[in-house]
Amino acid sequence: MVLNADAVEKNDPGEAYRQGWTGTDIYEAANYMLRNLAVELLLKAYKIDGQGAFAWRTMLDTTANFGTIT
């Protein structure tokens, strides 16, 4: 994962293309990573222990009755 956007060079995606990735594949991977990062930041902001869907389920189950969460 790239933590410093300034460290990315114009030709860096070339390696992904050489490995068979398409432009769409690269976009989808970046989009997936950014969405996961956003969820992680939200969990940290609300001081939710744990990560992922199980952390949300625990929070919802303990704060209100929202019915069955699937």
Protein backbone atom coordinates (compact mmCIF):
# COMPACT_ATOMS: atom_id res chain seq x y z
CA MET A 1 0.00 0.00 0.00
CA VAL A 2 1.24 3.47 -0.83
CA LEU A 3 1.14 5.80 2.15
CA ASN A 4 2.77 8.77 0.43
CA ALA A 5 1.05 9.83 -2.79
CA ASP A 6 4.06 11.95 -3.73
CA ALA A 7 6.17 8.75 -3.88
CA VAL A 8 4.07 7.36 -6.76
CA GLU A 9 5.67 7.83 -10.14
CA LYS A 10 3.84 8.09 -13.45
CA ASN A 11 5.27 4.76 -14.66
CA ASP A 12 4.48 2.77 -11.46
CA PRO A 13 1.22 1.26 -12.83
CA GLY A 14 3.30 -0.24 -15.64
CA GLU A 15 4.26 -3.18 -13.42
CA ALA A 16 0.59 -3.95 -12.78
CA TYR A 17 -0.08 -3.85 -16.52
CA ARG A 18 2.86 -6.21 -17.14
CA GLN A 19 1.28 -8.63 -14.65
CA GLY A 20 -1.96 -8.64 -16.64
CA TRP A 21 -3.98 -6.02 -14.76
CA THR A 22 -6.25 -3.73 -16.77
CA GLY A 23 -6.97 -0.09 -16.08
CA THR A 24 -10.30 -1.15 -14.63
CA ASP A 25 -8.59 -3.67 -12.33
CA ILE A 26 -6.25 -0.98 -11.01
CA TYR A 27 -9.13 1.47 -10.48
CA GLU A 28 -11.23 -1.15 -8.65
CA ALA A 29 -8.30 -2.12 -6.41
CA ALA A 30 -7.65 1.53 -5.53
CA ASN A 31 -11.36 2.13 -4.90
CA TYR A 32 -11.58 -0.95 -2.65
CA MET A 33 -8.53 0.16 -0.69
CA LEU A 34 -9.87 3.68 -0.19
CA ARG A 35 -13.25 2.43 1.01
CA ASN A 36 -11.56 0.11 3.52
CA LEU A 37 -9.39 2.99 4.72
CA ALA A 38 -12.49 5.17 5.18
CA VAL A 39 -14.19 2.47 7.28
CA GLU A 40 -11.05 2.02 9.36
CA LEU A 41 -10.88 5.77 10.05
CA LEU A 42 -14.56 5.82 11.00
CA LEU A 43 -14.09 2.92 13.40
CA LYS A 44 -11.15 4.71 15.00
CA ALA A 45 -13.07 7.99 15.24
CA TYR A 46 -15.88 6.33 17.17
CA LYS A 47 -13.43 4.27 19.25
CA ILE A 48 -14.95 0.98 18.13
CA ASP A 49 -12.85 -1.99 19.26
CA GLY A 50 -12.12 -4.59 16.60
CA GLN A 51 -12.27 -4.24 12.87
CA GLY A 52 -14.65 -5.11 10.10
CA ALA A 53 -18.28 -6.15 10.01
CA PHE A 54 -18.20 -7.90 13.39
CA ALA A 55 -17.21 -4.64 15.10
CA TRP A 56 -20.21 -2.89 13.55
CA ARG A 57 -22.51 -5.71 14.59
CA THR A 58 -21.29 -5.47 18.17
CA MET A 59 -21.81 -1.72 18.20
CA LEU A 60 -25.32 -1.95 16.79
CA ASP A 61 -26.35 -4.83 19.05
CA THR A 62 -25.26 -2.95 22.17
CA THR A 63 -26.61 0.52 21.34
CA ALA A 64 -30.08 -0.06 19.88
CA ASN A 65 -32.46 -2.74 18.72
CA PHE A 66 -32.20 -2.65 14.94
CA GLY A 67 -33.57 -6.15 14.45
CA THR A 68 -31.63 -8.90 12.78
CA ILE A 69 -28.40 -7.88 11.13
CA THR A 70 -27.36 -10.21 8.34
